[in-house]
N, C-alpha and C. Protein backbone atom coordinates (compact mmCIF):
# COMPACT_ATOMS: atom_id res chain seq x y z
N MET A 1 0.37 160.35 50.78
CA MET A 1 1.42 160.96 49.60
C MET A 1 2.58 160.83 49.67
N ALA A 2 3.23 161.33 50.85
CA ALA A 2 4.79 161.17 50.76
C ALA A 2 5.13 160.20 51.59
N ARG A 3 4.66 158.90 51.57
CA ARG A 3 4.80 157.40 51.29
C ARG A 3 4.83 156.84 50.33
N GLU A 4 3.95 157.03 49.39
CA GLU A 4 4.11 156.74 47.74
C GLU A 4 5.22 157.10 47.00
N THR A 5 5.71 158.66 47.36
CA THR A 5 6.78 159.31 46.72
C THR A 5 7.72 158.72 47.03
N VAL A 6 8.41 158.25 48.41
CA VAL A 6 9.16 157.94 49.31
C VAL A 6 9.21 156.43 48.38
N SER A 7 8.58 155.89 48.70
CA SER A 7 8.44 154.18 47.57
C SER A 7 8.92 154.14 46.27
N LYS A 8 8.42 155.31 45.53
CA LYS A 8 9.18 155.49 44.52
C LYS A 8 10.04 155.64 44.45
N PHE A 9 10.61 156.49 45.24
CA PHE A 9 12.19 157.04 44.94
C PHE A 9 12.80 155.66 45.29
N ILE A 10 12.69 155.30 46.05
CA ILE A 10 13.07 153.87 46.62
C ILE A 10 13.44 152.96 45.46
N SER A 11 12.42 152.64 44.94
CA SER A 11 12.50 151.87 43.59
C SER A 11 13.30 152.46 42.41
N LEU A 12 13.18 153.57 42.41
CA LEU A 12 14.24 154.38 41.35
C LEU A 12 15.70 154.22 41.72
N ARG A 13 15.77 154.43 43.41
CA ARG A 13 17.08 154.10 43.50
C ARG A 13 17.71 152.67 43.51
N ARG A 14 16.93 152.03 43.63
CA ARG A 14 17.34 150.48 43.31
C ARG A 14 17.33 149.93 41.83
N ASN A 15 16.62 150.50 41.14
CA ASN A 15 15.99 149.96 39.77
C ASN A 15 16.82 150.65 38.79
N HIS A 16 16.86 152.11 38.83
CA HIS A 16 17.39 152.88 37.47
C HIS A 16 18.75 153.29 37.54
N PRO A 17 19.22 152.53 36.43
CA PRO A 17 20.82 152.87 35.90
C PRO A 17 21.26 153.95 36.31
N ALA A 18 20.94 155.33 36.03
CA ALA A 18 21.32 156.56 36.36
C ALA A 18 21.53 156.53 37.74
N TRP A 19 20.42 156.46 38.49
CA TRP A 19 20.87 156.90 40.01
C TRP A 19 21.52 155.88 40.41
N THR A 20 21.44 154.35 40.23
CA THR A 20 22.24 153.71 40.72
C THR A 20 23.99 153.85 40.31
N LEU A 21 24.34 154.41 39.34
CA LEU A 21 25.50 154.72 38.79
C LEU A 21 25.99 155.63 39.62
N LEU A 22 25.06 156.79 39.87
CA LEU A 22 25.46 158.06 40.30
C LEU A 22 25.62 157.96 42.13
N ALA A 23 24.95 156.94 42.53
CA ALA A 23 25.41 156.43 43.85
C ALA A 23 26.30 155.77 43.97
N SER A 24 26.77 154.80 43.24
CA SER A 24 27.97 153.88 42.92
C SER A 24 29.39 154.55 43.45
N PRO A 25 30.36 154.06 44.32
CA PRO A 25 31.21 154.62 44.79
C PRO A 25 32.27 155.03 43.48
N LYS A 26 32.33 154.18 42.68
CA LYS A 26 33.21 153.96 41.63
C LYS A 26 32.49 154.99 40.06
N GLY A 27 31.24 155.44 40.84
CA GLY A 27 30.51 156.16 39.37
C GLY A 27 31.39 157.43 38.83
N PRO A 28 31.83 158.03 39.61
CA PRO A 28 32.49 159.24 38.79
C PRO A 28 33.71 158.70 37.84
N LEU A 29 34.42 157.62 38.37
CA LEU A 29 35.71 157.24 37.23
C LEU A 29 34.72 156.87 36.26
N ILE A 30 33.82 155.87 36.27
CA ILE A 30 33.18 155.23 35.18
C ILE A 30 32.62 156.16 34.62
N LEU A 31 31.98 157.06 34.75
CA LEU A 31 31.12 158.23 34.08
C LEU A 31 32.13 158.68 33.34
N ALA A 32 33.39 159.25 33.71
CA ALA A 32 34.16 160.27 33.53
C ALA A 32 35.03 159.56 32.12
N SER A 33 35.38 158.18 32.49
CA SER A 33 36.07 157.30 31.51
C SER A 33 35.06 157.08 30.24
N LEU A 34 34.09 156.81 30.61
CA LEU A 34 32.82 156.28 29.07
C LEU A 34 32.44 157.51 28.66
N LYS A 35 32.09 158.61 29.26
CA LYS A 35 32.03 159.97 28.69
C LYS A 35 32.69 160.35 27.83
N SER A 36 34.24 160.49 27.89
CA SER A 36 34.99 160.79 27.02
C SER A 36 35.24 160.16 25.75
N LEU A 37 35.03 158.30 25.98
CA LEU A 37 35.33 157.60 24.85
C LEU A 37 33.90 157.76 23.94
N ILE A 38 32.71 157.83 24.60
CA ILE A 38 31.55 157.72 23.96
C ILE A 38 31.57 159.06 23.17
N GLU A 39 31.67 160.13 23.77
CA GLU A 39 31.67 161.13 22.94
C GLU A 39 32.68 161.50 21.58
N SER A 40 33.77 160.57 22.01
CA SER A 40 34.92 160.50 20.69
C SER A 40 34.36 159.71 19.90
N SER A 41 33.46 158.59 20.12
CA SER A 41 33.26 157.61 18.96
C SER A 41 31.88 157.36 19.07
N PRO A 42 30.91 158.29 18.60
CA PRO A 42 29.29 158.09 18.78
C PRO A 42 28.91 156.77 18.35
N SER A 43 29.27 156.51 17.34
CA SER A 43 29.09 155.08 16.85
C SER A 43 29.37 153.84 17.49
N GLY A 44 29.99 153.72 18.74
CA GLY A 44 30.04 153.11 19.81
C GLY A 44 31.66 152.76 19.78
N VAL A 45 31.93 152.55 21.46
CA VAL A 45 33.49 152.08 21.68
C VAL A 45 33.76 150.39 21.70
N VAL A 46 34.72 150.45 21.14
CA VAL A 46 35.41 148.88 21.01
C VAL A 46 35.10 148.31 22.78
N PHE A 47 34.58 147.26 23.08
CA PHE A 47 34.73 146.94 24.15
C PHE A 47 35.91 146.88 25.20
N GLU A 48 37.10 146.41 24.35
CA GLU A 48 38.18 146.06 25.06
C GLU A 48 38.96 147.59 25.11
N GLU A 49 38.53 148.48 24.20
CA GLU A 49 39.06 149.93 24.39
C GLU A 49 38.40 150.62 25.79
N ALA A 50 37.29 150.33 25.94
CA ALA A 50 36.55 150.54 27.05
C ALA A 50 37.00 150.43 28.65
N VAL A 51 37.49 148.82 28.21
CA VAL A 51 38.03 147.91 29.51
C VAL A 51 39.12 148.57 29.77
N GLU A 52 40.47 149.14 28.65
CA GLU A 52 41.70 149.57 29.01
C GLU A 52 41.52 150.97 29.41
N ARG A 53 40.62 151.85 28.82
CA ARG A 53 40.58 153.35 29.51
C ARG A 53 40.17 153.29 30.90
N LEU A 54 39.24 152.34 31.30
CA LEU A 54 38.94 152.36 32.64
C LEU A 54 39.73 152.01 33.66
N ALA A 55 40.25 150.63 33.03
CA ALA A 55 41.54 150.20 33.53
C ALA A 55 42.80 151.32 34.14
N SER A 56 43.04 151.92 32.97
CA SER A 56 44.01 153.10 33.41
C SER A 56 43.41 154.37 33.92
N VAL A 57 42.13 154.40 34.08
CA VAL A 57 41.52 155.52 35.09
C VAL A 57 41.81 154.68 36.46
N PHE A 58 41.63 153.45 36.83
CA PHE A 58 41.50 153.15 37.99
C PHE A 58 42.85 152.87 38.40
N ALA A 59 43.80 152.74 37.62
CA ALA A 59 45.38 152.68 37.96
C ALA A 59 45.51 154.08 38.48
N ASP A 60 45.31 155.23 37.87
CA ASP A 60 45.70 156.62 37.95
C ASP A 60 44.95 156.98 39.58
N TYR A 61 43.82 156.19 40.17
CA TYR A 61 43.18 156.63 41.22
C TYR A 61 43.35 155.39 42.09
N ALA A 62 44.43 154.26 42.06
CA ALA A 62 44.48 153.16 42.78
C ALA A 62 45.04 153.73 44.31
N ASN A 63 45.59 154.60 44.49
CA ASN A 63 45.82 155.40 46.03
C ASN A 63 44.80 156.13 46.48
N ASP A 64 43.87 156.59 45.90
CA ASP A 64 43.14 157.53 46.43
C ASP A 64 41.74 156.83 47.36
N SER A 65 41.90 157.23 48.44
CA SER A 65 41.25 156.44 49.40
C SER A 65 39.63 156.49 49.25
N GLU A 66 39.34 157.43 48.21
CA GLU A 66 37.70 157.70 47.98
C GLU A 66 37.01 156.42 46.94
N PHE A 67 38.12 155.61 46.60
CA PHE A 67 37.72 154.39 45.87
C PHE A 67 38.53 153.56 46.22
N ASP A 68 37.53 152.10 46.14
CA ASP A 68 38.41 150.87 46.70
C ASP A 68 38.57 150.32 45.05
N LEU A 69 39.94 150.00 44.49
CA LEU A 69 39.64 149.62 43.49
C LEU A 69 40.60 148.09 43.50
N GLY A 70 41.06 147.94 44.29
CA GLY A 70 42.01 146.63 44.44
C GLY A 70 42.92 146.69 43.31
N ASP A 71 43.76 145.75 43.04
CA ASP A 71 45.05 145.73 42.33
C ASP A 71 45.16 145.27 40.83
N ASP A 72 44.10 144.15 40.80
CA ASP A 72 44.02 143.94 39.14
C ASP A 72 43.15 144.82 38.37
N HIS A 73 43.68 146.25 38.00
CA HIS A 73 42.82 147.06 37.42
C HIS A 73 42.01 146.60 36.27
N PRO A 74 42.58 145.89 35.43
CA PRO A 74 42.15 145.29 34.27
C PRO A 74 41.01 144.21 34.72
N LEU A 75 40.90 143.47 35.36
CA LEU A 75 40.18 142.29 35.69
C LEU A 75 38.67 143.28 36.12
N THR A 76 38.96 144.47 37.33
CA THR A 76 38.12 145.14 37.83
C THR A 76 37.21 145.95 36.81
N ALA A 77 37.93 146.49 35.80
CA ALA A 77 37.22 147.58 34.91
C ALA A 77 36.55 146.54 33.90
N ARG A 78 37.08 145.46 33.53
CA ARG A 78 36.06 144.40 32.74
C ARG A 78 34.59 143.95 33.66
N ARG A 79 34.91 143.75 34.94
CA ARG A 79 33.54 143.48 35.56
C ARG A 79 32.82 144.55 35.87
N GLU A 80 33.34 145.44 36.05
CA GLU A 80 32.18 147.05 36.04
C GLU A 80 31.88 147.21 34.76
N ILE A 81 32.24 147.22 33.54
CA ILE A 81 31.76 147.40 32.61
C ILE A 81 30.58 146.41 32.01
N ARG A 82 30.98 145.20 32.60
CA ARG A 82 30.03 144.17 32.52
C ARG A 82 28.83 144.51 33.42
N GLN A 83 29.00 144.74 34.48
CA GLN A 83 27.94 145.00 35.60
C GLN A 83 26.87 146.05 35.17
N TRP A 84 27.66 147.12 34.38
CA TRP A 84 26.70 148.27 33.78
C TRP A 84 26.14 147.81 32.73
N ILE A 85 26.42 147.15 31.89
CA ILE A 85 25.60 146.45 30.62
C ILE A 85 24.61 145.64 31.50
N LYS A 86 24.84 144.94 32.45
CA LYS A 86 23.51 144.10 32.79
C LYS A 86 22.48 145.02 33.68
N ARG A 87 22.86 146.25 34.06
CA ARG A 87 22.18 147.46 34.61
C ARG A 87 21.46 147.88 33.76
N GLY A 88 21.62 148.16 32.57
CA GLY A 88 21.00 148.69 31.57
C GLY A 88 21.80 150.11 31.49
N LEU A 89 22.95 150.44 31.81
CA LEU A 89 23.44 151.87 32.01
C LEU A 89 24.08 152.15 30.35
N ILE A 90 24.87 151.02 29.82
CA ILE A 90 25.17 150.97 28.56
C ILE A 90 24.87 149.71 28.09
N VAL A 91 24.94 149.65 26.57
CA VAL A 91 24.67 148.34 25.94
C VAL A 91 25.86 148.02 25.19
N GLU A 92 26.01 146.61 24.92
CA GLU A 92 26.77 145.89 23.81
C GLU A 92 26.27 145.43 22.87
N ARG A 93 26.88 146.31 21.53
CA ARG A 93 26.39 145.58 20.17
C ARG A 93 27.38 145.54 19.47
N ASP A 94 27.76 143.96 18.91
CA ASP A 94 28.94 143.82 18.03
C ASP A 94 30.03 144.10 18.44
N GLY A 95 30.39 143.88 19.85
CA GLY A 95 31.80 144.08 20.41
C GLY A 95 31.75 145.78 20.88
N LYS A 96 30.98 146.64 20.70
CA LYS A 96 31.11 147.86 20.96
C LYS A 96 30.16 148.49 21.76
N ILE A 97 30.59 149.15 22.78
CA ILE A 97 29.68 149.95 24.13
C ILE A 97 29.32 150.96 23.35
N LEU A 98 27.84 151.02 23.73
CA LEU A 98 26.82 152.27 23.35
C LEU A 98 26.28 152.99 24.51
N ALA A 99 26.20 154.47 24.67
CA ALA A 99 25.27 154.59 25.67
C ALA A 99 24.09 154.72 25.70
N THR A 100 23.25 154.53 26.60
CA THR A 100 21.69 154.41 26.66
C THR A 100 21.17 155.70 27.13
N ASP A 101 19.82 155.94 27.31
CA ASP A 101 19.27 156.85 27.65
C ASP A 101 19.66 157.26 29.37
N ALA A 102 19.46 156.31 30.10
CA ALA A 102 20.28 156.21 31.43
C ALA A 102 21.11 157.15 31.39
N PHE A 103 22.34 156.52 30.54
CA PHE A 103 23.79 157.19 30.70
C PHE A 103 23.90 158.49 30.42
N GLN A 104 23.05 158.94 29.41
CA GLN A 104 22.96 160.14 29.18
C GLN A 104 22.30 161.18 30.15
N ARG A 105 21.17 160.71 30.72
CA ARG A 105 20.50 161.44 31.83
C ARG A 105 21.23 161.65 32.93
N ALA A 106 21.96 160.82 33.33
CA ALA A 106 23.02 160.81 34.45
C ALA A 106 24.07 161.78 33.98
N LEU A 107 24.57 162.00 32.91
CA LEU A 107 25.10 162.91 32.40
C LEU A 107 24.68 164.75 32.23
N LEU A 108 23.26 164.41 32.06
CA LEU A 108 22.52 165.66 32.18
C LEU A 108 22.68 165.96 33.58
N PHE A 109 21.92 165.29 34.65
CA PHE A 109 21.95 165.71 35.44
C PHE A 109 23.16 166.13 36.21
N LEU A 110 24.29 165.66 36.25
CA LEU A 110 25.74 166.23 36.60
C LEU A 110 26.09 167.49 35.63
N SER A 111 25.54 167.91 34.62
CA SER A 111 25.77 168.96 33.94
C SER A 111 24.90 170.07 34.37
N SER A 112 23.55 169.84 34.93
CA SER A 112 22.75 170.66 35.52
C SER A 112 23.16 170.95 36.71
N LEU A 113 24.01 170.28 37.38
CA LEU A 113 24.47 170.59 38.94
C LEU A 113 25.76 171.72 38.48
N GLU A 114 26.39 171.58 37.48
CA GLU A 114 27.34 172.37 37.10
C GLU A 114 26.60 173.95 36.69
N ASP A 115 25.56 173.78 36.04
CA ASP A 115 25.11 174.78 35.27
C ASP A 115 24.34 175.87 36.56
N GLN A 116 24.09 175.07 37.33
CA GLN A 116 23.66 175.67 38.88
C GLN A 116 24.59 176.68 39.39
N THR A 117 25.93 175.95 39.11
CA THR A 117 26.98 176.66 40.47
C THR A 117 27.21 177.64 39.63
N MET A 118 27.51 177.72 38.53
CA MET A 118 27.96 178.79 37.44
C MET A 118 26.82 179.95 37.29
N THR A 119 25.18 179.43 37.31
CA THR A 119 24.33 180.43 37.48
C THR A 119 24.53 181.57 38.90
N SER A 120 24.60 180.68 39.83
CA SER A 120 24.92 181.10 41.22
C SER A 120 25.71 182.47 41.01
N THR A 121 26.77 181.98 40.47
CA THR A 121 27.91 182.76 40.57
C THR A 121 28.01 183.98 39.49
N ALA A 122 27.35 183.62 38.23
CA ALA A 122 26.98 184.94 37.61
C ALA A 122 26.08 185.77 38.37
N SER A 123 25.00 184.91 38.86
CA SER A 123 24.46 186.18 39.94
C SER A 123 24.95 187.05 40.71
N ARG A 124 25.72 186.17 41.69
CA ARG A 124 26.88 186.79 42.68
C ARG A 124 27.45 188.07 42.01
N LEU A 125 27.95 187.71 40.95
CA LEU A 125 28.80 188.60 40.03
C LEU A 125 28.10 189.87 40.08
N ALA A 126 26.91 189.54 39.25
CA ALA A 126 25.77 190.86 38.80
C ALA A 126 25.68 191.61 39.97
N THR A 127 25.35 190.90 40.97
CA THR A 127 25.22 191.85 42.29
C THR A 127 26.38 192.64 42.97
N VAL A 128 27.38 192.10 42.59
CA VAL A 128 28.79 192.79 42.96
C VAL A 128 28.85 194.06 41.91
N GLN A 129 28.67 193.64 40.77
CA GLN A 129 28.66 194.91 39.95
C GLN A 129 27.77 195.90 39.83
N ARG A 130 26.58 195.62 40.25
CA ARG A 130 25.66 196.73 40.45
C ARG A 130 26.09 197.54 41.83
N ALA A 131 26.83 196.85 42.73
CA ALA A 131 26.95 197.48 43.80
C ALA A 131 28.02 198.42 43.71
N ILE A 132 29.05 198.01 42.61
CA ILE A 132 30.22 198.70 42.05
C ILE A 132 29.50 200.18 42.07
N GLU A 133 28.57 199.71 40.45
CA GLU A 133 27.90 200.74 39.86
C GLU A 133 27.38 201.85 40.90
N LEU A 134 26.34 201.44 41.34
CA LEU A 134 25.50 202.22 42.56
C LEU A 134 26.78 203.21 43.49
N LEU A 135 27.76 202.57 43.99
CA LEU A 135 28.68 203.35 44.76
C LEU A 135 29.60 204.53 43.66
N GLU A 136 29.72 204.25 42.04
CA GLU A 136 30.64 204.81 41.58
C GLU A 136 29.48 206.05 41.22
N THR A 137 28.13 205.83 41.16
CA THR A 137 27.38 206.83 40.82
C THR A 137 26.89 207.79 42.27
N GLN A 138 27.26 207.25 43.67
CA GLN A 138 26.96 207.79 44.62
C GLN A 138 28.51 208.64 44.95
N LEU A 139 29.67 207.88 44.57
CA LEU A 139 30.63 209.14 44.57
C LEU A 139 30.75 210.22 43.65
N SER A 140 30.20 210.12 42.41
CA SER A 140 30.32 210.85 41.50
C SER A 140 29.62 212.07 42.03
N ARG A 141 28.09 211.66 42.54
CA ARG A 141 27.39 212.81 42.77
C ARG A 141 28.07 213.80 43.95
N SER A 142 28.62 212.99 45.07
CA SER A 142 29.26 213.47 45.86
C SER A 142 30.37 214.75 45.87
N GLN A 143 31.19 214.49 44.76
CA GLN A 143 32.41 215.23 44.07
C GLN A 143 31.98 216.91 43.35
């Protein structure tokens, strides 16, 4: 059973565009860049606009050791977008970039990670509030 599951996960890691993007060193830059563009233009983002935006993001992070971005940011951005089109993360129709289910799944996964943190923080806050209320009750009784 475990071998089958591992094999399935390896296949997904290699082939599913959402997993591939999330594992990509440039994934955070690509997701952040395309997310803001796609959300602002649900009918599609002009390919060249997507390249310009991603190149700008690459330039902003050019000196960040987390990313290996090279020097020609427009060329790198164009290659990245073409690569993600080939992998099925996004599609190009009539010169416009559109999100796929895989792109949406990657965003939902990241959003779920944020929700867990917020839930955890809210849970801790509720615990602290209950402790304060209990302490207040105990102090009121002893007075």
